[in-house]
Amino acid sequence: MNARLLLVISPLVLTPVAYAQSGDSPLQPLFECRSIGDDAARLACLDAAVETLYGNAESGEVVAVDRGQIEAAEESVFGLTLPNFSIPGLGRRNGGGEDDLVEADATAHSPDRIVHRTEDGDIERIENLSVTDIEINRAGDVVVTLANGQVWRQTDSTRIQGIRSGVRPGLTANIRSGALGSYFMRLNNGGRWFRAERVQ
């Protein structure tokens, strides 16, 4: 996700480069104008702050996206090993590419999915992800391709019964995070949880 993201203003998120390190809000100049008692001076302050914000938006230094886009982007990078950063109001997040932020749409491929988050806002588990393909590689590991384009590979020796290579209509997967950046997957065929890593 775009590392410039910083401040959540529901339903908008304003994301300036300059504020990503300082921790200040790009709206702080607007907020400071509220304390000015004189009407004319307050209006002049607001005009100046809005003009600055507008210029930053025009230059691309500030970007506005809605909360749904952020959450979809987080789902799209779930399982990838990327630097973490914090967005106030949403908790800690996994980063990703800029395109993920504006184009990710997890609901398009798995509309029945259920996303569980921790109190801090981290994705803890995603259920009912549609599976489009199963492959058994040369090492005997199960490789699962999801409808959202993600590819996950088994990394342990758990025996997964009833699985064979090919398309399996109606098959879904649950994925949960574990300790130390690990992930576990279970298919809805009644099998066991197995350790997996995202490879794409």
N, C-alpha and C. Protein backbone atom coordinates (compact mmCIF):
# COMPACT_ATOMS: atom_id res chain seq x y z
N MET A 1 0.85 -1.18 0.00
CA MET A 1 0.00 0.00 0.00
C MET A 1 0.88 1.22 0.00
N ASN A 2 0.37 2.30 -0.54
CA ASN A 2 1.10 3.54 -0.65
C ASN A 2 1.63 3.98 0.71
N ALA A 3 2.95 4.08 0.84
CA ALA A 3 3.55 4.41 2.13
C ALA A 3 3.28 5.85 2.51
N ARG A 4 2.68 6.65 1.62
CA ARG A 4 2.37 8.02 1.96
C ARG A 4 1.12 8.13 2.81
N LEU A 5 0.36 7.06 2.91
CA LEU A 5 -0.88 7.11 3.68
C LEU A 5 -0.60 7.46 5.12
N LEU A 6 -1.39 8.37 5.66
CA LEU A 6 -1.19 8.67 7.06
C LEU A 6 -2.48 8.87 7.81
N LEU A 7 -3.32 9.80 7.36
CA LEU A 7 -4.41 10.26 8.21
C LEU A 7 -5.74 9.79 7.68
N VAL A 8 -6.54 9.16 8.52
CA VAL A 8 -7.87 8.71 8.14
C VAL A 8 -8.88 9.77 8.54
N ILE A 9 -9.60 10.29 7.57
CA ILE A 9 -10.69 11.21 7.83
C ILE A 9 -11.91 10.58 7.18
N SER A 10 -12.73 9.91 7.95
CA SER A 10 -13.87 9.18 7.38
C SER A 10 -14.85 10.16 6.75
N PRO A 11 -15.23 9.95 5.45
CA PRO A 11 -14.88 8.77 4.66
C PRO A 11 -13.65 8.96 3.79
N LEU A 12 -12.84 10.01 4.05
CA LEU A 12 -11.68 10.25 3.21
C LEU A 12 -10.39 9.99 3.96
N VAL A 13 -9.34 9.69 3.19
CA VAL A 13 -8.01 9.59 3.75
C VAL A 13 -7.13 10.57 3.00
N LEU A 14 -6.44 11.45 3.73
CA LEU A 14 -5.54 12.39 3.11
C LEU A 14 -4.13 11.88 3.33
N THR A 15 -3.30 11.86 2.27
CA THR A 15 -2.04 11.15 2.35
C THR A 15 -0.88 11.98 1.84
N PRO A 16 -0.28 12.81 2.66
CA PRO A 16 0.82 13.62 2.19
C PRO A 16 2.18 12.99 2.47
N VAL A 17 3.14 13.22 1.57
CA VAL A 17 4.49 12.71 1.74
C VAL A 17 5.13 13.36 2.96
N ALA A 18 4.99 14.64 3.06
CA ALA A 18 5.69 15.38 4.11
C ALA A 18 5.27 14.97 5.50
N TYR A 19 4.00 14.63 5.66
CA TYR A 19 3.49 14.32 6.99
C TYR A 19 3.73 12.88 7.40
N ALA A 20 4.14 12.03 6.46
CA ALA A 20 4.31 10.62 6.77
C ALA A 20 5.36 10.39 7.84
N GLN A 21 6.36 11.29 7.90
CA GLN A 21 7.41 11.13 8.88
C GLN A 21 7.18 12.00 10.11
N SER A 22 6.59 13.18 9.93
CA SER A 22 6.43 14.09 11.05
C SER A 22 5.29 13.70 11.97
N GLY A 23 4.29 12.99 11.44
CA GLY A 23 3.16 12.59 12.24
C GLY A 23 2.08 13.65 12.33
N ASP A 24 2.31 14.83 11.73
CA ASP A 24 1.31 15.88 11.73
C ASP A 24 0.23 15.60 10.70
N SER A 25 -0.95 16.14 10.95
CA SER A 25 -2.05 16.00 10.01
C SER A 25 -1.98 17.07 8.94
N PRO A 26 -2.28 16.72 7.68
CA PRO A 26 -2.32 17.74 6.64
C PRO A 26 -3.46 18.73 6.85
N LEU A 27 -4.38 18.38 7.74
CA LEU A 27 -5.50 19.28 8.05
C LEU A 27 -5.22 20.18 9.25
N GLN A 28 -4.04 20.02 9.86
CA GLN A 28 -3.74 20.80 11.06
C GLN A 28 -3.84 22.30 10.84
N PRO A 29 -3.34 22.84 9.71
CA PRO A 29 -3.49 24.28 9.48
C PRO A 29 -4.96 24.73 9.49
N LEU A 30 -5.85 23.90 8.96
CA LEU A 30 -7.27 24.23 8.99
C LEU A 30 -7.79 24.23 10.42
N PHE A 31 -7.39 23.24 11.18
CA PHE A 31 -7.86 23.15 12.56
C PHE A 31 -7.38 24.33 13.40
N GLU A 32 -6.15 24.78 13.14
CA GLU A 32 -5.60 25.89 13.91
C GLU A 32 -6.35 27.19 13.65
N CYS A 33 -6.94 27.29 12.47
CA CYS A 33 -7.69 28.51 12.15
C CYS A 33 -8.92 28.66 13.04
N ARG A 34 -9.43 27.57 13.54
CA ARG A 34 -10.65 27.62 14.36
C ARG A 34 -10.48 28.45 15.62
N SER A 35 -9.25 28.53 16.11
CA SER A 35 -9.02 29.24 17.37
C SER A 35 -8.91 30.75 17.20
N ILE A 36 -8.93 31.22 15.98
CA ILE A 36 -8.82 32.66 15.73
C ILE A 36 -10.17 33.33 15.98
N GLY A 37 -10.19 34.29 16.88
CA GLY A 37 -11.44 34.93 17.27
C GLY A 37 -11.99 35.90 16.24
N ASP A 38 -11.11 36.65 15.61
CA ASP A 38 -11.55 37.65 14.63
C ASP A 38 -12.06 36.97 13.37
N ASP A 39 -13.28 37.29 12.95
CA ASP A 39 -13.90 36.62 11.79
C ASP A 39 -13.08 36.79 10.52
N ALA A 40 -12.63 38.02 10.27
CA ALA A 40 -11.88 38.28 9.04
C ALA A 40 -10.55 37.53 9.03
N ALA A 41 -9.88 37.54 10.18
CA ALA A 41 -8.59 36.85 10.27
C ALA A 41 -8.79 35.34 10.15
N ARG A 42 -9.87 34.83 10.76
CA ARG A 42 -10.14 33.39 10.67
C ARG A 42 -10.43 32.98 9.24
N LEU A 43 -11.21 33.79 8.53
CA LEU A 43 -11.51 33.50 7.13
C LEU A 43 -10.25 33.53 6.28
N ALA A 44 -9.39 34.52 6.53
CA ALA A 44 -8.14 34.62 5.77
C ALA A 44 -7.27 33.40 6.03
N CYS A 45 -7.24 32.94 7.29
CA CYS A 45 -6.46 31.76 7.65
C CYS A 45 -7.01 30.53 6.95
N LEU A 46 -8.34 30.38 6.97
CA LEU A 46 -8.97 29.23 6.31
C LEU A 46 -8.72 29.24 4.81
N ASP A 47 -8.84 30.41 4.20
CA ASP A 47 -8.60 30.53 2.76
C ASP A 47 -7.18 30.08 2.41
N ALA A 48 -6.20 30.53 3.22
CA ALA A 48 -4.81 30.19 2.96
C ALA A 48 -4.57 28.69 3.14
N ALA A 49 -5.17 28.11 4.19
CA ALA A 49 -4.98 26.69 4.45
C ALA A 49 -5.62 25.84 3.36
N VAL A 50 -6.81 26.23 2.92
CA VAL A 50 -7.49 25.49 1.86
C VAL A 50 -6.70 25.60 0.56
N GLU A 51 -6.14 26.77 0.27
CA GLU A 51 -5.37 26.96 -0.95
C GLU A 51 -4.14 26.05 -0.94
N THR A 52 -3.49 25.95 0.21
CA THR A 52 -2.33 25.07 0.33
C THR A 52 -2.73 23.61 0.14
N LEU A 53 -3.82 23.21 0.77
CA LEU A 53 -4.30 21.84 0.64
C LEU A 53 -4.68 21.53 -0.80
N TYR A 54 -5.33 22.49 -1.46
CA TYR A 54 -5.72 22.31 -2.85
C TYR A 54 -4.48 22.13 -3.73
N GLY A 55 -3.46 22.95 -3.49
CA GLY A 55 -2.23 22.84 -4.27
C GLY A 55 -1.56 21.48 -4.08
N ASN A 56 -1.55 21.00 -2.83
CA ASN A 56 -0.96 19.70 -2.55
C ASN A 56 -1.74 18.57 -3.24
N ALA A 57 -3.07 18.72 -3.28
CA ALA A 57 -3.89 17.72 -3.94
C ALA A 57 -3.65 17.74 -5.45
N GLU A 58 -3.52 18.92 -6.01
CA GLU A 58 -3.28 19.04 -7.46
C GLU A 58 -1.93 18.45 -7.85
N SER A 59 -0.93 18.61 -6.99
CA SER A 59 0.41 18.12 -7.30
C SER A 59 0.57 16.62 -7.01
N GLY A 60 -0.42 16.04 -6.34
CA GLY A 60 -0.34 14.63 -6.01
C GLY A 60 0.32 14.35 -4.68
N GLU A 61 0.72 15.41 -3.96
CA GLU A 61 1.34 15.21 -2.65
C GLU A 61 0.33 14.75 -1.62
N VAL A 62 -0.94 15.14 -1.83
CA VAL A 62 -2.03 14.70 -0.98
C VAL A 62 -3.01 13.93 -1.84
N VAL A 63 -3.40 12.73 -1.40
CA VAL A 63 -4.32 11.89 -2.15
C VAL A 63 -5.49 11.52 -1.25
N ALA A 64 -6.69 11.58 -1.78
CA ALA A 64 -7.87 11.21 -0.99
C ALA A 64 -8.44 9.90 -1.51
N VAL A 65 -8.62 8.95 -0.58
CA VAL A 65 -9.25 7.67 -0.91
C VAL A 65 -10.22 7.33 0.21
N ASP A 66 -11.19 6.47 -0.09
CA ASP A 66 -12.14 6.13 0.96
C ASP A 66 -11.66 4.91 1.74
N ARG A 67 -12.30 4.69 2.88
CA ARG A 67 -11.91 3.60 3.77
C ARG A 67 -12.03 2.24 3.08
N GLY A 68 -13.05 2.09 2.23
CA GLY A 68 -13.23 0.82 1.54
C GLY A 68 -12.05 0.48 0.65
N GLN A 69 -11.47 1.50 -0.01
CA GLN A 69 -10.32 1.27 -0.87
C GLN A 69 -9.10 0.84 -0.05
N ILE A 70 -8.95 1.44 1.11
CA ILE A 70 -7.82 1.07 1.98
C ILE A 70 -7.96 -0.37 2.43
N GLU A 71 -9.15 -0.74 2.87
CA GLU A 71 -9.36 -2.09 3.37
C GLU A 71 -9.20 -3.12 2.27
N ALA A 72 -9.67 -2.79 1.05
CA ALA A 72 -9.50 -3.70 -0.08
C ALA A 72 -8.02 -3.86 -0.41
N ALA A 73 -7.26 -2.77 -0.33
CA ALA A 73 -5.83 -2.84 -0.60
C ALA A 73 -5.12 -3.69 0.44
N GLU A 74 -5.54 -3.57 1.68
CA GLU A 74 -4.95 -4.38 2.74
C GLU A 74 -5.21 -5.86 2.50
N GLU A 75 -6.40 -6.18 2.05
CA GLU A 75 -6.71 -7.58 1.74
C GLU A 75 -5.86 -8.07 0.57
N SER A 76 -5.62 -7.19 -0.39
CA SER A 76 -4.87 -7.61 -1.57
C SER A 76 -3.42 -7.93 -1.26
N VAL A 77 -2.86 -7.33 -0.19
CA VAL A 77 -1.47 -7.60 0.17
C VAL A 77 -1.36 -8.52 1.39
N PHE A 78 -2.48 -9.04 1.87
CA PHE A 78 -2.47 -9.94 3.01
C PHE A 78 -1.60 -11.16 2.70
N GLY A 79 -0.65 -11.43 3.58
CA GLY A 79 0.23 -12.56 3.37
C GLY A 79 1.57 -12.22 2.77
N LEU A 80 1.71 -11.04 2.21
CA LEU A 80 2.99 -10.63 1.65
C LEU A 80 3.89 -10.09 2.75
N THR A 81 5.19 -10.31 2.62
CA THR A 81 6.14 -9.79 3.58
C THR A 81 6.57 -8.41 3.14
N LEU A 82 5.94 -7.40 3.73
CA LEU A 82 6.19 -6.01 3.37
C LEU A 82 6.33 -5.19 4.63
N PRO A 83 6.99 -4.02 4.53
CA PRO A 83 7.14 -3.18 5.73
C PRO A 83 5.79 -2.78 6.30
N ASN A 84 5.71 -2.69 7.60
CA ASN A 84 4.49 -2.24 8.28
C ASN A 84 4.55 -0.76 8.55
N PHE A 85 3.41 -0.14 8.55
CA PHE A 85 3.31 1.23 9.01
C PHE A 85 1.95 1.41 9.63
N SER A 86 1.79 2.51 10.35
CA SER A 86 0.58 2.71 11.13
C SER A 86 -0.27 3.84 10.53
N ILE A 87 -1.58 3.59 10.45
CA ILE A 87 -2.52 4.62 10.03
C ILE A 87 -3.43 4.90 11.20
N PRO A 88 -3.37 6.10 11.78
CA PRO A 88 -4.24 6.38 12.92
C PRO A 88 -5.69 6.12 12.58
N GLY A 89 -6.38 5.43 13.47
CA GLY A 89 -7.79 5.13 13.26
C GLY A 89 -8.03 3.77 12.65
N LEU A 90 -7.00 3.19 12.05
CA LEU A 90 -7.14 1.86 11.46
C LEU A 90 -6.17 0.86 12.05
N GLY A 91 -5.18 1.32 12.81
CA GLY A 91 -4.20 0.41 13.39
C GLY A 91 -3.06 0.15 12.44
N ARG A 92 -2.25 -0.88 12.73
CA ARG A 92 -1.09 -1.18 11.91
C ARG A 92 -1.53 -1.89 10.64
N ARG A 93 -0.80 -1.59 9.55
CA ARG A 93 -1.17 -2.13 8.24
C ARG A 93 0.02 -2.70 7.52
N ASN A 94 -0.22 -3.56 6.55
CA ASN A 94 0.83 -4.03 5.66
C ASN A 94 0.88 -3.13 4.45
N GLY A 95 2.08 -2.82 4.00
CA GLY A 95 2.24 -1.94 2.85
C GLY A 95 2.16 -2.69 1.55
N GLY A 96 2.20 -1.95 0.43
CA GLY A 96 2.12 -2.57 -0.88
C GLY A 96 2.36 -1.54 -1.96
N GLY A 97 2.08 -1.86 -3.18
CA GLY A 97 2.29 -0.94 -4.27
C GLY A 97 1.19 0.10 -4.34
N GLU A 98 1.49 1.23 -5.00
CA GLU A 98 0.52 2.31 -5.10
C GLU A 98 -0.72 1.87 -5.85
N ASP A 99 -0.56 1.02 -6.88
CA ASP A 99 -1.70 0.59 -7.66
C ASP A 99 -2.69 -0.22 -6.83
N ASP A 100 -2.18 -0.95 -5.84
CA ASP A 100 -3.07 -1.73 -4.98
C ASP A 100 -4.06 -0.84 -4.27
N LEU A 101 -3.62 0.37 -3.92
CA LEU A 101 -4.45 1.26 -3.13
C LEU A 101 -5.70 1.68 -3.87
N VAL A 102 -5.58 1.99 -5.13
CA VAL A 102 -6.71 2.55 -5.84
C VAL A 102 -7.46 1.52 -6.68
N GLU A 103 -6.86 0.35 -6.92
CA GLU A 103 -7.49 -0.59 -7.81
C GLU A 103 -7.97 -1.87 -7.13
N ALA A 104 -7.47 -2.15 -5.93
CA ALA A 104 -7.83 -3.39 -5.27
C ALA A 104 -9.32 -3.44 -4.98
N ASP A 105 -9.93 -4.57 -5.29
CA ASP A 105 -11.35 -4.77 -4.99
C ASP A 105 -11.55 -6.22 -4.63
N ALA A 106 -11.39 -6.53 -3.35
CA ALA A 106 -11.46 -7.92 -2.90
C ALA A 106 -12.86 -8.50 -3.08
N THR A 107 -13.87 -7.66 -3.08
CA THR A 107 -15.24 -8.16 -3.16
C THR A 107 -15.59 -8.66 -4.55
N ALA A 108 -14.82 -8.25 -5.56
CA ALA A 108 -15.17 -8.61 -6.94
C ALA A 108 -15.08 -10.11 -7.17
N HIS A 109 -14.17 -10.80 -6.46
CA HIS A 109 -13.94 -12.22 -6.71
C HIS A 109 -14.46 -13.12 -5.60
N SER A 110 -14.58 -12.60 -4.41
CA SER A 110 -15.07 -13.40 -3.28
C SER A 110 -16.07 -12.57 -2.47
N PRO A 111 -17.26 -12.34 -3.03
CA PRO A 111 -18.23 -11.47 -2.36
C PRO A 111 -18.71 -12.00 -1.02
N ASP A 112 -18.59 -13.31 -0.79
CA ASP A 112 -19.05 -13.90 0.47
C ASP A 112 -17.96 -14.00 1.52
N ARG A 113 -16.79 -13.44 1.22
CA ARG A 113 -15.69 -13.55 2.16
C ARG A 113 -16.02 -12.81 3.46
N ILE A 114 -15.40 -13.25 4.54
CA ILE A 114 -15.56 -12.61 5.84
C ILE A 114 -14.18 -12.25 6.35
N VAL A 115 -13.98 -10.99 6.68
CA VAL A 115 -12.68 -10.51 7.14
C VAL A 115 -12.75 -10.26 8.64
N HIS A 116 -11.87 -10.90 9.39
CA HIS A 116 -11.79 -10.69 10.83
C HIS A 116 -10.56 -9.85 11.13
N ARG A 117 -10.76 -8.82 11.94
CA ARG A 117 -9.65 -7.93 12.30
C ARG A 117 -9.44 -7.92 13.81
N THR A 118 -8.20 -7.61 14.20
CA THR A 118 -7.90 -7.46 15.62
C THR A 118 -8.41 -6.11 16.09
N GLU A 119 -8.31 -5.86 17.39
CA GLU A 119 -8.73 -4.57 17.93
C GLU A 119 -7.89 -3.44 17.36
N ASP A 120 -6.66 -3.74 16.95
CA ASP A 120 -5.79 -2.73 16.36
C ASP A 120 -6.07 -2.52 14.88
N GLY A 121 -6.95 -3.32 14.31
CA GLY A 121 -7.30 -3.14 12.90
C GLY A 121 -6.56 -4.05 11.95
N ASP A 122 -5.63 -4.87 12.45
CA ASP A 122 -4.92 -5.79 11.57
C ASP A 122 -5.85 -6.90 11.10
N ILE A 123 -5.64 -7.37 9.88
CA ILE A 123 -6.39 -8.52 9.39
C ILE A 123 -5.88 -9.76 10.11
N GLU A 124 -6.76 -10.46 10.77
CA GLU A 124 -6.42 -11.65 11.53
C GLU A 124 -6.75 -12.92 10.75
N ARG A 125 -7.86 -12.89 10.02
CA ARG A 125 -8.32 -14.07 9.29
C ARG A 125 -9.28 -13.64 8.19
N ILE A 126 -9.21 -14.33 7.06
CA ILE A 126 -10.16 -14.11 5.97
C ILE A 126 -10.76 -15.46 5.62
N GLU A 127 -12.08 -15.51 5.60
CA GLU A 127 -12.79 -16.76 5.33
C GLU A 127 -13.55 -16.69 4.00
N ASN A 128 -13.83 -17.85 3.44
CA ASN A 128 -14.65 -17.99 2.23
C ASN A 128 -14.04 -17.33 1.00
N LEU A 129 -12.73 -17.47 0.85
CA LEU A 129 -12.08 -16.97 -0.36
C LEU A 129 -12.24 -18.01 -1.47
N SER A 130 -12.75 -17.60 -2.61
CA SER A 130 -13.00 -18.53 -3.72
C SER A 130 -11.69 -19.06 -4.29
N VAL A 131 -11.64 -20.38 -4.49
CA VAL A 131 -10.47 -21.03 -5.07
C VAL A 131 -10.75 -21.32 -6.53
N THR A 132 -9.82 -20.95 -7.40
CA THR A 132 -10.01 -21.20 -8.83
C THR A 132 -9.20 -22.39 -9.33
N ASP A 133 -8.10 -22.72 -8.64
CA ASP A 133 -7.27 -23.81 -9.14
C ASP A 133 -6.45 -24.42 -8.01
N ILE A 134 -6.23 -25.72 -8.10
CA ILE A 134 -5.37 -26.45 -7.17
C ILE A 134 -4.29 -27.15 -7.98
N GLU A 135 -3.06 -27.06 -7.48
CA GLU A 135 -1.96 -27.76 -8.14
C GLU A 135 -1.14 -28.48 -7.08
N ILE A 136 -0.68 -29.67 -7.41
CA ILE A 136 0.25 -30.40 -6.55
C ILE A 136 1.61 -30.31 -7.24
N ASN A 137 2.56 -29.60 -6.62
CA ASN A 137 3.86 -29.44 -7.28
C ASN A 137 4.73 -30.68 -7.12
N ARG A 138 5.94 -30.63 -7.67
CA ARG A 138 6.81 -31.80 -7.67
C ARG A 138 7.19 -32.25 -6.27
N ALA A 139 7.21 -31.29 -5.34
CA ALA A 139 7.56 -31.63 -3.96
C ALA A 139 6.38 -32.20 -3.19
N GLY A 140 5.23 -32.24 -3.84
CA GLY A 140 4.03 -32.75 -3.19
C GLY A 140 3.27 -31.71 -2.40
N ASP A 141 3.67 -30.45 -2.54
CA ASP A 141 2.98 -29.37 -1.83
C ASP A 141 1.76 -28.91 -2.62
N VAL A 142 0.74 -28.53 -1.89
CA VAL A 142 -0.46 -28.00 -2.52
C VAL A 142 -0.26 -26.53 -2.83
N VAL A 143 -0.57 -26.14 -4.05
CA VAL A 143 -0.49 -24.74 -4.47
C VAL A 143 -1.91 -24.30 -4.81
N VAL A 144 -2.38 -23.28 -4.11
CA VAL A 144 -3.77 -22.84 -4.23
C VAL A 144 -3.81 -21.48 -4.91
N THR A 145 -4.57 -21.38 -5.99
CA THR A 145 -4.80 -20.10 -6.65
C THR A 145 -6.20 -19.61 -6.30
N LEU A 146 -6.29 -18.39 -5.78
CA LEU A 146 -7.57 -17.82 -5.40
C LEU A 146 -8.14 -16.96 -6.52
N ALA A 147 -9.42 -16.71 -6.45
CA ALA A 147 -10.09 -15.92 -7.49
C ALA A 147 -9.58 -14.48 -7.52
N ASN A 148 -9.03 -14.00 -6.40
CA ASN A 148 -8.52 -12.63 -6.38
C ASN A 148 -7.10 -12.54 -6.94
N GLY A 149 -6.57 -13.64 -7.45
CA GLY A 149 -5.25 -13.64 -8.07
C GLY A 149 -4.13 -14.07 -7.15
N GLN A 150 -4.39 -14.20 -5.87
CA GLN A 150 -3.36 -14.62 -4.93
C GLN A 150 -3.04 -16.11 -5.13
N VAL A 151 -1.76 -16.44 -4.95
CA VAL A 151 -1.32 -17.83 -5.03
C VAL A 151 -0.61 -18.16 -3.72
N TRP A 152 -1.05 -19.23 -3.07
CA TRP A 152 -0.49 -19.68 -1.80
C TRP A 152 0.04 -21.09 -1.95
N ARG A 153 1.19 -21.36 -1.30
CA ARG A 153 1.82 -22.68 -1.39
C ARG A 153 1.98 -23.28 0.01
N GLN A 154 1.65 -24.53 0.12
CA GLN A 154 1.83 -25.25 1.38
C GLN A 154 3.31 -25.32 1.73
N THR A 155 3.65 -25.12 3.01
CA THR A 155 5.05 -25.14 3.42
C THR A 155 5.32 -26.16 4.53
N ASP A 156 4.34 -26.96 4.88
CA ASP A 156 4.58 -28.00 5.88
C ASP A 156 4.24 -29.37 5.29
N SER A 157 4.31 -30.39 6.12
CA SER A 157 4.09 -31.76 5.63
C SER A 157 2.69 -32.28 5.95
N THR A 158 1.78 -31.38 6.31
CA THR A 158 0.41 -31.81 6.61
C THR A 158 -0.20 -32.49 5.40
N ARG A 159 -0.79 -33.65 5.62
CA ARG A 159 -1.44 -34.37 4.53
C ARG A 159 -2.85 -33.82 4.34
N ILE A 160 -3.12 -33.35 3.13
CA ILE A 160 -4.42 -32.76 2.83
C ILE A 160 -5.21 -33.77 2.01
N GLN A 161 -6.17 -34.38 2.62
CA GLN A 161 -6.92 -35.44 1.96
C GLN A 161 -7.95 -34.88 0.98
N GLY A 162 -8.20 -35.66 -0.06
CA GLY A 162 -9.25 -35.31 -1.01
C GLY A 162 -8.90 -34.19 -1.96
N ILE A 163 -7.63 -33.83 -2.06
CA ILE A 163 -7.22 -32.74 -2.94
C ILE A 163 -6.45 -33.30 -4.13
N ARG A 164 -6.80 -32.85 -5.30
CA ARG A 164 -6.08 -33.21 -6.51
C ARG A 164 -5.97 -31.96 -7.39
N SER A 165 -5.04 -32.00 -8.32
CA SER A 165 -4.82 -30.85 -9.19
C SER A 165 -6.03 -30.62 -10.09
N GLY A 166 -6.28 -29.35 -10.37
CA GLY A 166 -7.37 -28.99 -11.27
C GLY A 166 -8.34 -28.02 -10.64
N VAL A 167 -9.30 -27.63 -11.44
CA VAL A 167 -10.33 -26.69 -10.99
C VAL A 167 -11.33 -27.42 -10.12
N ARG A 168 -11.70 -26.81 -8.99
CA ARG A 168 -12.66 -27.41 -8.08
C ARG A 168 -13.78 -26.40 -7.81
N PRO A 169 -14.85 -26.42 -8.59
CA PRO A 169 -15.95 -25.47 -8.39
C PRO A 169 -16.50 -25.54 -6.97
N GLY A 170 -16.72 -24.38 -6.39
CA GLY A 170 -17.29 -24.31 -5.05
C GLY A 170 -16.29 -24.40 -3.92
N LEU A 171 -15.04 -24.67 -4.25
CA LEU A 171 -14.02 -24.77 -3.21
C LEU A 171 -13.64 -23.39 -2.71
N THR A 172 -13.55 -23.24 -1.39
CA THR A 172 -13.12 -21.98 -0.79
C THR A 172 -12.01 -22.25 0.21
N ALA A 173 -11.35 -21.17 0.61
CA ALA A 173 -10.25 -21.28 1.55
C ALA A 173 -10.40 -20.26 2.66
N ASN A 174 -9.96 -20.66 3.85
CA ASN A 174 -9.82 -19.75 4.98
C ASN A 174 -8.33 -19.56 5.23
N ILE A 175 -7.91 -18.35 5.49
CA ILE A 175 -6.51 -18.07 5.77
C ILE A 175 -6.43 -17.27 7.05
N ARG A 176 -5.55 -17.68 7.95
CA ARG A 176 -5.37 -16.94 9.19
C ARG A 176 -3.88 -16.69 9.43
N SER A 177 -3.60 -15.61 10.11
CA SER A 177 -2.21 -15.30 10.44
C SER A 177 -1.81 -16.04 11.71
N GLY A 178 -0.54 -16.38 11.79
CA GLY A 178 -0.01 -17.06 12.96
C GLY A 178 1.12 -16.25 13.57
N ALA A 179 1.90 -16.89 14.40
CA ALA A 179 3.01 -16.21 15.07
C ALA A 179 4.17 -15.97 14.11
N LEU A 180 4.89 -14.89 14.38
CA LEU A 180 6.12 -14.58 13.65
C LEU A 180 5.92 -14.51 12.14
N GLY A 181 4.82 -13.94 11.72
CA GLY A 181 4.59 -13.74 10.30
C GLY A 181 4.17 -14.97 9.52
N SER A 182 3.76 -16.00 10.22
CA SER A 182 3.34 -17.22 9.53
C SER A 182 1.85 -17.15 9.18
N TYR A 183 1.44 -18.02 8.27
CA TYR A 183 0.05 -18.07 7.83
C TYR A 183 -0.40 -19.52 7.70
N PHE A 184 -1.68 -19.73 7.93
CA PHE A 184 -2.25 -21.07 7.84
C PHE A 184 -3.49 -21.02 6.96
N MET A 185 -3.70 -22.09 6.21
CA MET A 185 -4.84 -22.17 5.30
C MET A 185 -5.62 -23.45 5.57
N ARG A 186 -6.92 -23.37 5.37
CA ARG A 186 -7.76 -24.57 5.42
C ARG A 186 -8.80 -24.48 4.30
N LEU A 187 -8.95 -25.56 3.56
CA LEU A 187 -9.94 -25.60 2.49
C LEU A 187 -11.26 -26.12 3.05
N ASN A 188 -12.35 -25.79 2.39
CA ASN A 188 -13.67 -26.14 2.92
C ASN A 188 -14.10 -27.56 2.59
N ASN A 189 -13.13 -28.42 2.31
CA ASN A 189 -13.45 -29.82 2.03
C ASN A 189 -13.35 -30.67 3.29
N GLY A 190 -13.27 -30.00 4.45
CA GLY A 190 -13.20 -30.73 5.70
C GLY A 190 -11.80 -31.09 6.13
N GLY A 191 -10.80 -30.58 5.40
CA GLY A 191 -9.41 -30.90 5.74
C GLY A 191 -8.89 -30.11 6.92
N ARG A 192 -7.62 -30.36 7.22
CA ARG A 192 -6.97 -29.71 8.35
C ARG A 192 -6.32 -28.41 7.94
N TRP A 193 -5.99 -27.59 8.95
CA TRP A 193 -5.20 -26.39 8.70
C TRP A 193 -3.79 -26.81 8.30
N PHE A 194 -3.20 -26.11 7.34
CA PHE A 194 -1.81 -26.36 6.97
C PHE A 194 -1.10 -25.03 6.83
N ARG A 195 0.20 -25.06 7.09
CA ARG A 195 1.00 -23.84 6.98
C ARG A 195 1.18 -23.50 5.49
N ALA A 196 1.08 -22.21 5.18
CA ALA A 196 1.20 -21.79 3.79
C ALA A 196 1.87 -20.43 3.71
N GLU A 197 2.43 -20.18 2.55
CA GLU A 197 3.02 -18.87 2.29
C GLU A 197 2.49 -18.34 0.98
N ARG A 198 2.36 -17.04 0.92
CA ARG A 198 1.88 -16.44 -0.32
C ARG A 198 3.06 -16.26 -1.27
N VAL A 199 2.91 -16.76 -2.48
CA VAL A 199 3.99 -16.68 -3.46
C VAL A 199 3.66 -15.74 -4.61
N GLN A 200 2.43 -15.25 -4.63
CA GLN A 200 2.04 -14.30 -5.68
C GLN A 200 0.82 -13.51 -5.22
